[in-house]
Amino acid sequence: QVQLVESGGGLVQAGGSLRLSCAASGLTFDWFIMGWFRQAPGAEREFVAAIRRSGDTIYYADSVKGRFAVSRDNAKNTLYLQMNSLKPEDTAVYYCAACLDYRATVQEPRMYDYWGQGTQVTVSS
């Protein structure tokens, strides 16, 4: 079955960096748009970043643009999120997700077919 497994979360001070990974199995990875979302306590799940199948087109939420970088390695079936200049408001559970529909609006969580279990990122002030 399809599995998306995130790793790399943790506790970091404001201004620090973390790199999240998402290992995919049970699917043809390079068929899928891959996305990162996050959810803070009491908040809705929000879009962070997405990358199209070949990696040629990338999208970011305005709140992370210039600080976060999404990438993928199709040979390793792995998605990454490099997070720099972290802020306390970046604290959330981060999820990776896979979307098969190339026509999808990548910022919409409902467009994604598969989700990981999430990894906690906590940024202290």
PDB file of N, CA and C in Angstrom:
ATOM      1  N   GLN A   1       0.835  -1.180   0.000  1.00  0.00           N
ATOM      2  CA  GLN A   1       0.000   0.000   0.000  1.00  0.00           C
ATOM      3  C   GLN A   1       0.882   1.247   0.000  1.00  0.00           C
ATOM      4  N   VAL A   2       0.266   2.374  -0.279  1.00  0.00           N
ATOM      5  CA  VAL A   2       1.007   3.628  -0.324  1.00  0.00           C
ATOM      6  C   VAL A   2       1.383   4.070   1.088  1.00  0.00           C
ATOM      7  N   GLN A   3       2.639   4.454   1.216  1.00  0.00           N
ATOM      8  CA  GLN A   3       3.109   5.023   2.486  1.00  0.00           C
ATOM      9  C   GLN A   3       3.924   6.273   2.213  1.00  0.00           C
ATOM     10  N   LEU A   4       3.639   7.300   2.968  1.00  0.00           N
ATOM     11  CA  LEU A   4       4.433   8.522   2.990  1.00  0.00           C
ATOM     12  C   LEU A   4       4.898   8.712   4.430  1.00  0.00           C
ATOM     13  N   VAL A   5       6.199   8.743   4.620  1.00  0.00           N
ATOM     14  CA  VAL A   5       6.742   8.808   5.975  1.00  0.00           C
ATOM     15  C   VAL A   5       7.640  10.030   6.102  1.00  0.00           C
ATOM     16  N   GLU A   6       7.193  10.987   6.916  1.00  0.00           N
ATOM     17  CA  GLU A   6       7.969  12.193   7.153  1.00  0.00           C
ATOM     18  C   GLU A   6       8.986  11.974   8.264  1.00  0.00           C
ATOM     19  N   SER A   7      10.069  12.711   8.178  1.00  0.00           N
ATOM     20  CA  SER A   7      11.078  12.702   9.227  1.00  0.00           C
ATOM     21  C   SER A   7      11.805  14.040   9.225  1.00  0.00           C
ATOM     22  N   GLY A   8      12.556  14.300  10.283  1.00  0.00           N
ATOM     23  CA  GLY A   8      13.372  15.502  10.341  1.00  0.00           C
ATOM     24  C   GLY A   8      12.826  16.621  11.204  1.00  0.00           C
ATOM     25  N   GLY A   9      11.630  16.434  11.741  1.00  0.00           N
ATOM     26  CA  GLY A   9      11.083  17.463  12.615  1.00  0.00           C
ATOM     27  C   GLY A   9      11.825  17.521  13.940  1.00  0.00           C
ATOM     28  N   GLY A  10      11.499  18.532  14.738  1.00  0.00           N
ATOM     29  CA  GLY A  10      12.131  18.669  16.041  1.00  0.00           C
ATOM     30  C   GLY A  10      11.946  20.051  16.606  1.00  0.00           C
ATOM     31  N   LEU A  11      12.742  20.321  17.640  1.00  0.00           N
ATOM     32  CA  LEU A  11      12.701  21.606  18.326  1.00  0.00           C
ATOM     33  C   LEU A  11      13.907  22.427  17.890  1.00  0.00           C
ATOM     34  N   VAL A  12      13.664  23.666  17.509  1.00  0.00           N
ATOM     35  CA  VAL A  12      14.744  24.534  17.053  1.00  0.00           C
ATOM     36  C   VAL A  12      14.464  25.948  17.529  1.00  0.00           C
ATOM     37  N   GLN A  13      15.512  26.708  17.722  1.00  0.00           N
ATOM     38  CA  GLN A  13      15.336  28.111  18.114  1.00  0.00           C
ATOM     39  C   GLN A  13      14.987  28.960  16.895  1.00  0.00           C
ATOM     40  N   ALA A  14      14.334  30.056  17.153  1.00  0.00           N
ATOM     41  CA  ALA A  14      14.018  31.002  16.081  1.00  0.00           C
ATOM     42  C   ALA A  14      15.297  31.395  15.342  1.00  0.00           C
ATOM     43  N   GLY A  15      15.193  31.430  14.016  1.00  0.00           N
ATOM     44  CA  GLY A  15      16.344  31.726  13.198  1.00  0.00           C
ATOM     45  C   GLY A  15      17.101  30.504  12.731  1.00  0.00           C
ATOM     46  N   GLY A  16      16.767  29.354  13.308  1.00  0.00           N
ATOM     47  CA  GLY A  16      17.444  28.120  12.958  1.00  0.00           C
ATOM     48  C   GLY A  16      16.872  27.466  11.713  1.00  0.00           C
ATOM     49  N   SER A  17      17.383  26.273  11.426  1.00  0.00           N
ATOM     50  CA  SER A  17      16.999  25.544  10.220  1.00  0.00           C
ATOM     51  C   SER A  17      16.669  24.093  10.547  1.00  0.00           C
ATOM     52  N   LEU A  18      15.816  23.536   9.729  1.00  0.00           N
ATOM     53  CA  LEU A  18      15.512  22.113   9.751  1.00  0.00           C
ATOM     54  C   LEU A  18      15.309  21.649   8.322  1.00  0.00           C
ATOM     55  N   ARG A  19      15.567  20.363   8.090  1.00  0.00           N
ATOM     56  CA  ARG A  19      15.282  19.771   6.790  1.00  0.00           C
ATOM     57  C   ARG A  19      14.367  18.585   6.994  1.00  0.00           C
ATOM     58  N   LEU A  20      13.183  18.675   6.422  1.00  0.00           N
ATOM     59  CA  LEU A  20      12.227  17.580   6.482  1.00  0.00           C
ATOM     60  C   LEU A  20      12.394  16.687   5.260  1.00  0.00           C
ATOM     61  N   SER A  21      12.163  15.407   5.472  1.00  0.00           N
ATOM     62  CA  SER A  21      12.156  14.438   4.374  1.00  0.00           C
ATOM     63  C   SER A  21      10.835  13.693   4.388  1.00  0.00           C
ATOM     64  N   CYS A  22      10.451  13.223   3.231  1.00  0.00           N
ATOM     65  CA  CYS A  22       9.246  12.399   3.097  1.00  0.00           C
ATOM     66  C   CYS A  22       9.593  11.252   2.165  1.00  0.00           C
ATOM     67  N   ALA A  23       9.657  10.050   2.727  1.00  0.00           N
ATOM     68  CA  ALA A  23       9.976   8.863   1.942  1.00  0.00           C
ATOM     69  C   ALA A  23       8.683   8.215   1.471  1.00  0.00           C
ATOM     70  N   ALA A  24       8.570   8.015   0.180  1.00  0.00           N
ATOM     71  CA  ALA A  24       7.355   7.453  -0.412  1.00  0.00           C
ATOM     72  C   ALA A  24       7.589   6.024  -0.864  1.00  0.00           C
ATOM     73  N   SER A  25       6.575   5.200  -0.680  1.00  0.00           N
ATOM     74  CA  SER A  25       6.622   3.827  -1.176  1.00  0.00           C
ATOM     75  C   SER A  25       5.228   3.400  -1.589  1.00  0.00           C
ATOM     76  N   GLY A  26       5.165   2.366  -2.444  1.00  0.00           N
ATOM     77  CA  GLY A  26       3.872   1.847  -2.871  1.00  0.00           C
ATOM     78  C   GLY A  26       3.209   2.664  -3.959  1.00  0.00           C
ATOM     79  N   LEU A  27       3.917   3.619  -4.544  1.00  0.00           N
ATOM     80  CA  LEU A  27       3.369   4.418  -5.627  1.00  0.00           C
ATOM     81  C   LEU A  27       4.486   4.738  -6.615  1.00  0.00           C
ATOM     82  N   THR A  28       4.072   5.125  -7.818  1.00  0.00           N
ATOM     83  CA  THR A  28       5.039   5.551  -8.826  1.00  0.00           C
ATOM     84  C   THR A  28       5.311   7.027  -8.575  1.00  0.00           C
ATOM     85  N   PHE A  29       6.351   7.291  -7.835  1.00  0.00           N
ATOM     86  CA  PHE A  29       6.587   8.607  -7.250  1.00  0.00           C
ATOM     87  C   PHE A  29       6.566   9.717  -8.291  1.00  0.00           C
ATOM     88  N   ASP A  30       7.191   9.502  -9.430  1.00  0.00           N
ATOM     89  CA  ASP A  30       7.310  10.602 -10.381  1.00  0.00           C
ATOM     90  C   ASP A  30       6.037  10.827 -11.195  1.00  0.00           C
ATOM     91  N   TRP A  31       4.980  10.123 -10.867  1.00  0.00           N
ATOM     92  CA  TRP A  31       3.675  10.421 -11.448  1.00  0.00           C
ATOM     93  C   TRP A  31       2.943  11.508 -10.637  1.00  0.00           C
ATOM     94  N   PHE A  32       3.422  11.782  -9.436  1.00  0.00           N
ATOM     95  CA  PHE A  32       2.664  12.569  -8.474  1.00  0.00           C
ATOM     96  C   PHE A  32       3.231  13.960  -8.259  1.00  0.00           C
ATOM     97  N   ILE A  33       2.351  14.946  -8.207  1.00  0.00           N
ATOM     98  CA  ILE A  33       2.674  16.227  -7.602  1.00  0.00           C
ATOM     99  C   ILE A  33       2.831  15.968  -6.102  1.00  0.00           C
ATOM    100  N   MET A  34       3.857  16.554  -5.514  1.00  0.00           N
ATOM    101  CA  MET A  34       4.087  16.370  -4.077  1.00  0.00           C
ATOM    102  C   MET A  34       3.967  17.705  -3.367  1.00  0.00           C
ATOM    103  N   GLY A  35       3.344  17.670  -2.198  1.00  0.00           N
ATOM    104  CA  GLY A  35       3.137  18.897  -1.456  1.00  0.00           C
ATOM    105  C   GLY A  35       3.490  18.760   0.007  1.00  0.00           C
ATOM    106  N   TRP A  36       3.752  19.908   0.616  1.00  0.00           N
ATOM    107  CA  TRP A  36       3.912  20.018   2.067  1.00  0.00           C
ATOM    108  C   TRP A  36       2.796  20.910   2.598  1.00  0.00           C
ATOM    109  N   PHE A  37       2.180  20.465   3.672  1.00  0.00           N
ATOM    110  CA  PHE A  37       1.171  21.224   4.387  1.00  0.00           C
ATOM    111  C   PHE A  37       1.553  21.243   5.865  1.00  0.00           C
ATOM    112  N   ARG A  38       0.926  22.142   6.601  1.00  0.00           N
ATOM    113  CA  ARG A  38       1.157  22.161   8.037  1.00  0.00           C
ATOM    114  C   ARG A  38      -0.131  22.503   8.763  1.00  0.00           C
ATOM    115  N   GLN A  39      -0.178  22.085  10.017  1.00  0.00           N
ATOM    116  CA  GLN A  39      -1.357  22.353  10.827  1.00  0.00           C
ATOM    117  C   GLN A  39      -0.923  22.663  12.250  1.00  0.00           C
ATOM    118  N   ALA A  40      -1.244  23.869  12.677  1.00  0.00           N
ATOM    119  CA  ALA A  40      -0.978  24.288  14.043  1.00  0.00           C
ATOM    120  C   ALA A  40      -2.195  23.950  14.904  1.00  0.00           C
ATOM    121  N   PRO A  41      -2.027  23.843  16.225  1.00  0.00           N
ATOM    122  CA  PRO A  41      -3.160  23.526  17.105  1.00  0.00           C
ATOM    123  C   PRO A  41      -4.290  24.528  16.935  1.00  0.00           C
ATOM    124  N   GLY A  42      -5.498  24.014  16.743  1.00  0.00           N
ATOM    125  CA  GLY A  42      -6.661  24.863  16.612  1.00  0.00           C
ATOM    126  C   GLY A  42      -6.812  25.536  15.270  1.00  0.00           C
ATOM    127  N   ALA A  43      -5.925  25.232  14.342  1.00  0.00           N
ATOM    128  CA  ALA A  43      -5.964  25.871  13.024  1.00  0.00           C
ATOM    129  C   ALA A  43      -6.260  24.848  11.942  1.00  0.00           C
ATOM    130  N   GLU A  44      -6.649  25.343  10.787  1.00  0.00           N
ATOM    131  CA  GLU A  44      -6.867  24.456   9.649  1.00  0.00           C
ATOM    132  C   GLU A  44      -5.517  24.086   9.020  1.00  0.00           C
ATOM    133  N   ARG A  45      -5.540  22.985   8.302  1.00  0.00           N
ATOM    134  CA  ARG A  45      -4.343  22.584   7.578  1.00  0.00           C
ATOM    135  C   ARG A  45      -4.087  23.599   6.467  1.00  0.00           C
ATOM    136  N   GLU A  46      -2.851  24.050   6.353  1.00  0.00           N
ATOM    137  CA  GLU A  46      -2.541  25.069   5.357  1.00  0.00           C
ATOM    138  C   GLU A  46      -1.415  24.630   4.443  1.00  0.00           C
ATOM    139  N   PHE A  47      -1.484  25.123   3.234  1.00  0.00           N
ATOM    140  CA  PHE A  47      -0.493  24.833   2.216  1.00  0.00           C
ATOM    141  C   PHE A  47       0.834  25.491   2.556  1.00  0.00           C
ATOM    142  N   VAL A  48       1.923  24.777   2.319  1.00  0.00           N
ATOM    143  CA  VAL A  48       3.272  25.318   2.512  1.00  0.00           C
ATOM    144  C   VAL A  48       4.011  25.400   1.180  1.00  0.00           C
ATOM    145  N   ALA A  49       4.100  24.268   0.480  1.00  0.00           N
ATOM    146  CA  ALA A  49       4.861  24.234  -0.770  1.00  0.00           C
ATOM    147  C   ALA A  49       4.439  23.013  -1.569  1.00  0.00           C
ATOM    148  N   ALA A  50       4.671  23.084  -2.879  1.00  0.00           N
ATOM    149  CA  ALA A  50       4.392  21.937  -3.738  1.00  0.00           C
ATOM    150  C   ALA A  50       5.370  21.947  -4.906  1.00  0.00           C
ATOM    151  N   ILE A  51       5.567  20.762  -5.456  1.00  0.00           N
ATOM    152  CA  ILE A  51       6.501  20.622  -6.582  1.00  0.00           C
ATOM    153  C   ILE A  51       5.916  19.642  -7.576  1.00  0.00           C
ATOM    154  N   ARG A  52       5.955  20.016  -8.828  1.00  0.00           N
ATOM    155  CA  ARG A  52       5.387  19.163  -9.853  1.00  0.00           C
ATOM    156  C   ARG A  52       6.301  17.978 -10.152  1.00  0.00           C
ATOM    157  N   ARG A  53       5.808  17.084 -10.991  1.00  0.00           N
ATOM    158  CA  ARG A  53       6.401  15.758 -11.125  1.00  0.00           C
ATOM    159  C   ARG A  53       7.880  15.791 -11.498  1.00  0.00           C
ATOM    160  N   SER A  54       8.238  16.637 -12.437  1.00  0.00           N
ATOM    161  CA  SER A  54       9.630  16.677 -12.863  1.00  0.00           C
ATOM    162  C   SER A  54      10.454  17.663 -12.054  1.00  0.00           C
ATOM    163  N   GLY A  55       9.799  18.386 -11.163  1.00  0.00           N
ATOM    164  CA  GLY A  55      10.492  19.379 -10.350  1.00  0.00           C
ATOM    165  C   GLY A  55      10.682  20.711 -11.032  1.00  0.00           C
ATOM    166  N   ASP A  56      10.087  20.888 -12.205  1.00  0.00           N
ATOM    167  CA  ASP A  56      10.321  22.122 -12.954  1.00  0.00           C
ATOM    168  C   ASP A  56       9.440  23.277 -12.495  1.00  0.00           C
ATOM    169  N   THR A  57       8.384  22.976 -11.780  1.00  0.00           N
ATOM    170  CA  THR A  57       7.483  24.024 -11.302  1.00  0.00           C
ATOM    171  C   THR A  57       7.265  23.841  -9.806  1.00  0.00           C
ATOM    172  N   ILE A  58       7.454  24.930  -9.083  1.00  0.00           N
ATOM    173  CA  ILE A  58       7.389  24.912  -7.622  1.00  0.00           C
ATOM    174  C   ILE A  58       6.480  26.037  -7.158  1.00  0.00           C
ATOM    175  N   TYR A  59       5.769  25.782  -6.091  1.00  0.00           N
ATOM    176  CA  TYR A  59       4.846  26.751  -5.516  1.00  0.00           C
ATOM    177  C   TYR A  59       5.149  26.908  -4.028  1.00  0.00           C
ATOM    178  N   TYR A  60       4.980  28.117  -3.525  1.00  0.00           N
ATOM    179  CA  TYR A  60       5.164  28.376  -2.096  1.00  0.00           C
ATOM    180  C   TYR A  60       4.047  29.246  -1.572  1.00  0.00           C
ATOM    181  N   ALA A  61       3.704  29.023  -0.308  1.00  0.00           N
ATOM    182  CA  ALA A  61       2.858  29.971   0.388  1.00  0.00           C
ATOM    183  C   ALA A  61       3.652  31.253   0.616  1.00  0.00           C
ATOM    184  N   ASP A  62       2.955  32.380   0.601  1.00  0.00           N
ATOM    185  CA  ASP A  62       3.638  33.668   0.794  1.00  0.00           C
ATOM    186  C   ASP A  62       4.386  33.703   2.131  1.00  0.00           C
ATOM    187  N   SER A  63       3.863  33.027   3.114  1.00  0.00           N
ATOM    188  CA  SER A  63       4.443  33.080   4.455  1.00  0.00           C
ATOM    189  C   SER A  63       5.809  32.399   4.553  1.00  0.00           C
ATOM    190  N   VAL A  64       6.137  31.557   3.574  1.00  0.00           N
ATOM    191  CA  VAL A  64       7.417  30.828   3.643  1.00  0.00           C
ATOM    192  C   VAL A  64       8.340  31.160   2.479  1.00  0.00           C
ATOM    193  N   LYS A  65       7.850  31.942   1.542  1.00  0.00           N
ATOM    194  CA  LYS A  65       8.641  32.261   0.351  1.00  0.00           C
ATOM    195  C   LYS A  65       9.944  32.956   0.753  1.00  0.00           C
ATOM    196  N   GLY A  66      11.039  32.491   0.187  1.00  0.00           N
ATOM    197  CA  GLY A  66      12.341  33.056   0.507  1.00  0.00           C
ATOM    198  C   GLY A  66      13.015  32.415   1.697  1.00  0.00           C
ATOM    199  N   ARG A  67      12.270  31.611   2.462  1.00  0.00           N
ATOM    200  CA  ARG A  67      12.846  30.938   3.653  1.00  0.00           C
ATOM    201  C   ARG A  67      12.866  29.425   3.484  1.00  0.00           C
ATOM    202  N   PHE A  68      11.861  28.877   2.820  1.00  0.00           N
ATOM    203  CA  PHE A  68      11.743  27.431   2.637  1.00  0.00           C
ATOM    204  C   PHE A  68      12.053  27.073   1.187  1.00  0.00           C
ATOM    205  N   ALA A  69      12.553  25.852   0.996  1.00  0.00           N
ATOM    206  CA  ALA A  69      12.824  25.353  -0.346  1.00  0.00           C
ATOM    207  C   ALA A  69      12.383  23.890  -0.438  1.00  0.00           C
ATOM    208  N   VAL A  70      11.523  23.615  -1.393  1.00  0.00           N
ATOM    209  CA  VAL A  70      11.051  22.249  -1.616  1.00  0.00           C
ATOM    210  C   VAL A  70      11.841  21.639  -2.772  1.00  0.00           C
ATOM    211  N   SER A  71      12.133  20.362  -2.657  1.00  0.00           N
ATOM    212  CA  SER A  71      12.825  19.644  -3.725  1.00  0.00           C
ATOM    213  C   SER A  71      12.416  18.176  -3.677  1.00  0.00           C
ATOM    214  N   ARG A  72      12.750  17.467  -4.716  1.00  0.00           N
ATOM    215  CA  ARG A  72      12.431  16.042  -4.772  1.00  0.00           C
ATOM    216  C   ARG A  72      13.556  15.301  -5.479  1.00  0.00           C
ATOM    217  N   ASP A  73      13.715  14.041  -5.092  1.00  0.00           N
ATOM    218  CA  ASP A  73      14.649  13.146  -5.759  1.00  0.00           C
ATOM    219  C   ASP A  73      13.831  11.949  -6.238  1.00  0.00           C
ATOM    220  N   ASN A  74      13.478  11.951  -7.490  1.00  0.00           N
ATOM    221  CA  ASN A  74      12.614  10.893  -8.016  1.00  0.00           C
ATOM    222  C   ASN A  74      13.319   9.537  -8.018  1.00  0.00           C
ATOM    223  N   ALA A  75      14.624   9.527  -8.092  1.00  0.00           N
ATOM    224  CA  ALA A  75      15.361   8.260  -8.042  1.00  0.00           C
ATOM    225  C   ALA A  75      15.283   7.626  -6.656  1.00  0.00           C
ATOM    226  N   LYS A  76      15.121   8.467  -5.628  1.00  0.00           N
ATOM    227  CA  LYS A  76      15.059   7.972  -4.254  1.00  0.00           C
ATOM    228  C   LYS A  76      13.642   7.991  -3.696  1.00  0.00           C
ATOM    229  N   ASN A  77      12.669   8.386  -4.519  1.00  0.00           N
ATOM    230  CA  ASN A  77      11.268   8.460  -4.056  1.00  0.00           C
ATOM    231  C   ASN A  77      11.149   9.297  -2.782  1.00  0.00           C
ATOM    232  N   THR A  78      11.833  10.426  -2.776  1.00  0.00           N
ATOM    233  CA  THR A  78      11.882  11.237  -1.567  1.00  0.00           C
ATOM    234  C   THR A  78      11.624  12.708  -1.886  1.00  0.00           C
ATOM    235  N   LEU A  79      10.852  13.322  -1.006  1.00  0.00           N
ATOM    236  CA  LEU A  79      10.527  14.747  -1.048  1.00  0.00           C
ATOM    237  C   LEU A  79      11.226  15.419   0.118  1.00  0.00           C
ATOM    238  N   TYR A  80      11.670  16.656  -0.103  1.00  0.00           N
ATOM    239  CA  TYR A  80      12.374  17.391   0.948  1.00  0.00           C
ATOM    240  C   TYR A  80      11.754  18.770   1.157  1.00  0.00           C
ATOM    241  N   LEU A  81      11.958  19.290   2.359  1.00  0.00           N
ATOM    242  CA  LEU A  81      11.619  20.676   2.640  1.00  0.00           C
ATOM    243  C   LEU A  81      12.730  21.251   3.515  1.00  0.00           C
ATOM    244  N   GLN A  82      13.526  22.124   2.926  1.00  0.00           N
ATOM    245  CA  GLN A  82      14.554  22.836   3.665  1.00  0.00           C
ATOM    246  C   GLN A  82      13.937  24.094   4.249  1.00  0.00           C
ATOM    247  N   MET A  83      14.003  24.210   5.565  1.00  0.00           N
ATOM    248  CA  MET A  83      13.366  25.340   6.247  1.00  0.00           C
ATOM    249  C   MET A  83      14.454  26.153   6.942  1.00  0.00           C
ATOM    250  N   ASN A  84      14.611  27.382   6.527  1.00  0.00           N
ATOM    251  CA  ASN A  84      15.599  28.299   7.095  1.00  0.00           C
ATOM    252  C   ASN A  84      14.901  29.483   7.743  1.00  0.00           C
ATOM    253  N   SER A  85      15.650  30.201   8.557  1.00  0.00           N
ATOM    254  CA  SER A  85      15.120  31.399   9.222  1.00  0.00           C
ATOM    255  C   SER A  85      13.772  31.113   9.868  1.00  0.00           C
ATOM    256  N   LEU A  86      13.714  30.034  10.592  1.00  0.00           N
ATOM    257  CA  LEU A  86      12.445  29.609  11.189  1.00  0.00           C
ATOM    258  C   LEU A  86      11.950  30.611  12.219  1.00  0.00           C
ATOM    259  N   LYS A  87      10.630  30.730  12.279  1.00  0.00           N
ATOM    260  CA  LYS A  87       9.958  31.647  13.191  1.00  0.00           C
ATOM    261  C   LYS A  87       9.033  30.846  14.105  1.00  0.00           C
ATOM    262  N   PRO A  88       8.697  31.377  15.271  1.00  0.00           N
ATOM    263  CA  PRO A  88       7.756  30.668  16.151  1.00  0.00           C
ATOM    264  C   PRO A  88       6.426  30.352  15.458  1.00  0.00           C
ATOM    265  N   GLU A  89       6.002  31.199  14.556  1.00  0.00           N
ATOM    266  CA  GLU A  89       4.735  30.940  13.861  1.00  0.00           C
ATOM    267  C   GLU A  89       4.827  29.802  12.845  1.00  0.00           C
ATOM    268  N   ASP A  90       6.013  29.272  12.627  1.00  0.00           N
ATOM    269  CA  ASP A  90       6.154  28.081  11.789  1.00  0.00           C
ATOM    270  C   ASP A  90       5.878  26.792  12.570  1.00  0.00           C
ATOM    271  N   THR A  91       5.688  26.912  13.872  1.00  0.00           N
ATOM    272  CA  THR A  91       5.402  25.748  14.701  1.00  0.00           C
ATOM    273  C   THR A  91       4.109  25.073  14.255  1.00  0.00           C
ATOM    274  N   ALA A  92       4.198  23.793  13.958  1.00  0.00           N
ATOM    275  CA  ALA A  92       3.043  23.037  13.463  1.00  0.00           C
ATOM    276  C   ALA A  92       3.463  21.590  13.238  1.00  0.00           C
ATOM    277  N   VAL A  93       2.477  20.760  12.965  1.00  0.00           N
ATOM    278  CA  VAL A  93       2.748  19.437  12.418  1.00  0.00           C
ATOM    279  C   VAL A  93       2.824  19.580  10.902  1.00  0.00           C
ATOM    280  N   TYR A  94       3.890  19.066  10.338  1.00  0.00           N
ATOM    281  CA  TYR A  94       4.102  19.170   8.887  1.00  0.00           C
ATOM    282  C   TYR A  94       3.794  17.829   8.233  1.00  0.00           C
ATOM    283  N   TYR A  95       3.018  17.905   7.159  1.00  0.00           N
ATOM    284  CA  TYR A  95       2.576  16.712   6.442  1.00  0.00           C
ATOM    285  C   TYR A  95       3.053  16.769   4.995  1.00  0.00           C
ATOM    286  N   CYS A  96       3.476  15.645   4.473  1.00  0.00           N
ATOM    287  CA  CYS A  96       3.663  15.570   3.034  1.00  0.00           C
ATOM    288  C   CYS A  96       2.454  14.867   2.424  1.00  0.00           C
ATOM    289  N   ALA A  97       2.201  15.166   1.170  1.00  0.00           N
ATOM    290  CA  ALA A  97       1.024  14.637   0.488  1.00  0.00           C
ATOM    291  C   ALA A  97       1.335  14.441  -0.986  1.00  0.00           C
ATOM    292  N   ALA A  98       0.600  13.507  -1.594  1.00  0.00           N
ATOM    293  CA  ALA A  98       0.811  13.163  -3.001  1.00  0.00           C
ATOM    294  C   ALA A  98      -0.487  13.333  -3.773  1.00  0.00           C
ATOM    295  N   CYS A  99      -0.383  13.973  -4.920  1.00  0.00           N
ATOM    296  CA  CYS A  99      -1.539  14.267  -5.765  1.00  0.00           C
ATOM    297  C   CYS A  99      -1.284  13.733  -7.162  1.00  0.00           C
ATOM    298  N   LEU A 100      -2.198  12.891  -7.650  1.00  0.00           N
ATOM    299  CA  LEU A 100      -2.018  12.270  -8.966  1.00  0.00           C
ATOM    300  C   LEU A 100      -2.500  13.156 -10.104  1.00  0.00           C
ATOM    301  N   ASP A 101      -3.440  14.036  -9.824  1.00  0.00           N
ATOM    302  CA  ASP A 101      -4.072  14.834 -10.880  1.00  0.00           C
ATOM    303  C   ASP A 101      -3.176  16.028 -11.248  1.00  0.00           C
ATOM    304  N   TYR A 102      -2.610  15.988 -12.448  1.00  0.00           N
ATOM    305  CA  TYR A 102      -1.685  17.047 -12.850  1.00  0.00           C
ATOM    306  C   TYR A 102      -2.397  18.388 -13.037  1.00  0.00           C
ATOM    307  N   ARG A 103      -3.745  18.344 -13.122  1.00  0.00           N
ATOM    308  CA  ARG A 103      -4.506  19.581 -13.309  1.00  0.00           C
ATOM    309  C   ARG A 103      -4.896  20.216 -11.970  1.00  0.00           C
ATOM    310  N   ALA A 104      -4.526  19.570 -10.893  1.00  0.00           N
ATOM    311  CA  ALA A 104      -5.004  19.992  -9.568  1.00  0.00           C
ATOM    312  C   ALA A 104      -4.527  21.392  -9.197  1.00  0.00           C
ATOM    313  N   THR A 105      -5.341  22.042  -8.383  1.00  0.00           N
ATOM    314  CA  THR A 105      -4.922  23.256  -7.698  1.00  0.00           C
ATOM    315  C   THR A 105      -4.078  22.803  -6.519  1.00  0.00           C
ATOM    316  N   VAL A 106      -2.787  22.992  -6.603  1.00  0.00           N
ATOM    317  CA  VAL A 106      -1.875  22.318  -5.678  1.00  0.00           C
ATOM    318  C   VAL A 106      -1.995  22.842  -4.247  1.00  0.00           C
ATOM    319  N   GLN A 107      -2.590  24.022  -4.075  1.00  0.00           N
ATOM    320  CA  GLN A 107      -2.721  24.594  -2.746  1.00  0.00           C
ATOM    321  C   GLN A 107      -3.910  24.021  -1.960  1.00  0.00           C
ATOM    322  N   GLU A 108      -4.733  23.234  -2.606  1.00  0.00           N
ATOM    323  CA  GLU A 108      -5.941  22.715  -1.983  1.00  0.00           C
ATOM    324  C   GLU A 108      -5.695  21.324  -1.389  1.00  0.00           C
ATOM    325  N   PRO A 109      -5.797  21.169  -0.075  1.00  0.00           N
ATOM    326  CA  PRO A 109      -5.560  19.850   0.531  1.00  0.00           C
ATOM    327  C   PRO A 109      -6.460  18.753  -0.028  1.00  0.00           C
ATOM    328  N   ARG A 110      -7.687  19.096  -0.378  1.00  0.00           N
ATOM    329  CA  ARG A 110      -8.637  18.084  -0.849  1.00  0.00           C
ATOM    330  C   ARG A 110      -8.225  17.476  -2.180  1.00  0.00           C
ATOM    331  N   MET A 111      -7.263  18.091  -2.884  1.00  0.00           N
ATOM    332  CA  MET A 111      -6.832  17.566  -4.172  1.00  0.00           C
ATOM    333  C   MET A 111      -5.836  16.416  -4.015  1.00  0.00           C
ATOM    334  N   TYR A 112      -5.349  16.195  -2.815  1.00  0.00           N
ATOM    335  CA  TYR A 112      -4.295  15.211  -2.603  1.00  0.00           C
ATOM    336  C   TYR A 112      -4.871  13.848  -2.268  1.00  0.00           C
ATOM    337  N   ASP A 113      -4.244  12.833  -2.794  1.00  0.00           N
ATOM    338  CA  ASP A 113      -4.748  11.474  -2.658  1.00  0.00           C
ATOM    339  C   ASP A 113      -4.183  10.737  -1.454  1.00  0.00           C
ATOM    340  N   TYR A 114      -2.953  11.037  -1.100  1.00  0.00           N
ATOM    341  CA  TYR A 114      -2.292  10.310  -0.013  1.00  0.00           C
ATOM    342  C   TYR A 114      -1.592  11.312   0.911  1.00  0.00           C
ATOM    343  N   TRP A 115      -1.547  10.948   2.187  1.00  0.00           N
ATOM    344  CA  TRP A 115      -0.959  11.798   3.218  1.00  0.00           C
ATOM    345  C   TRP A 115      -0.049  10.987   4.120  1.00  0.00           C
ATOM    346  N   GLY A 116       0.993  11.649   4.603  1.00  0.00           N
ATOM    347  CA  GLY A 116       1.812  11.059   5.646  1.00  0.00           C
ATOM    348  C   GLY A 116       1.198  11.284   7.010  1.00  0.00           C
ATOM    349  N   GLN A 117       1.875  10.773   8.029  1.00  0.00           N
ATOM    350  CA  GLN A 117       1.357  10.866   9.398  1.00  0.00           C
ATOM    351  C   GLN A 117       1.749  12.171  10.076  1.00  0.00           C
ATOM    352  N   GLY A 118       2.694  12.885   9.502  1.00  0.00           N
ATOM    353  CA  GLY A 118       3.088  14.179  10.033  1.00  0.00           C
ATOM    354  C   GLY A 118       4.317  14.109  10.919  1.00  0.00           C
ATOM    355  N   THR A 119       5.035  15.236  10.982  1.00  0.00           N
ATOM    356  CA  THR A 119       6.179  15.368  11.870  1.00  0.00           C
ATOM    357  C   THR A 119       6.106  16.738  12.540  1.00  0.00           C
ATOM    358  N   GLN A 120       6.358  16.767  13.833  1.00  0.00           N
ATOM    359  CA  GLN A 120       6.207  17.996  14.604  1.00  0.00           C
ATOM    360  C   GLN A 120       7.429  18.891  14.429  1.00  0.00           C
ATOM    361  N   VAL A 121       7.168  20.147  14.155  1.00  0.00           N
ATOM    362  CA  VAL A 121       8.208  21.183  14.134  1.00  0.00           C
ATOM    363  C   VAL A 121       7.834  22.225  15.174  1.00  0.00           C
ATOM    364  N   THR A 122       8.739  22.470  16.099  1.00  0.00           N
ATOM    365  CA  THR A 122       8.510  23.456  17.141  1.00  0.00           C
ATOM    366  C   THR A 122       9.645  24.465  17.117  1.00  0.00           C
ATOM    367  N   VAL A 123       9.281  25.736  16.992  1.00  0.00           N
ATOM    368  CA  VAL A 123      10.274  26.808  16.938  1.00  0.00           C
ATOM    369  C   VAL A 123      10.108  27.664  18.185  1.00  0.00           C
ATOM    370  N   SER A 124      11.138  27.719  18.990  1.00  0.00           N
ATOM    371  CA  SER A 124      11.075  28.494  20.227  1.00  0.00           C
ATOM    372  C   SER A 124      11.593  29.906  19.991  1.00  0.00           C
ATOM    373  N   SER A 125      11.034  30.842  20.752  1.00  0.00           N
ATOM    374  CA  SER A 125      11.435  32.248  20.578  1.00  0.00           C
ATOM    375  C   SER A 125      12.607  32.611  21.483  1.00  0.00           C
TER     376      SER A 125
END
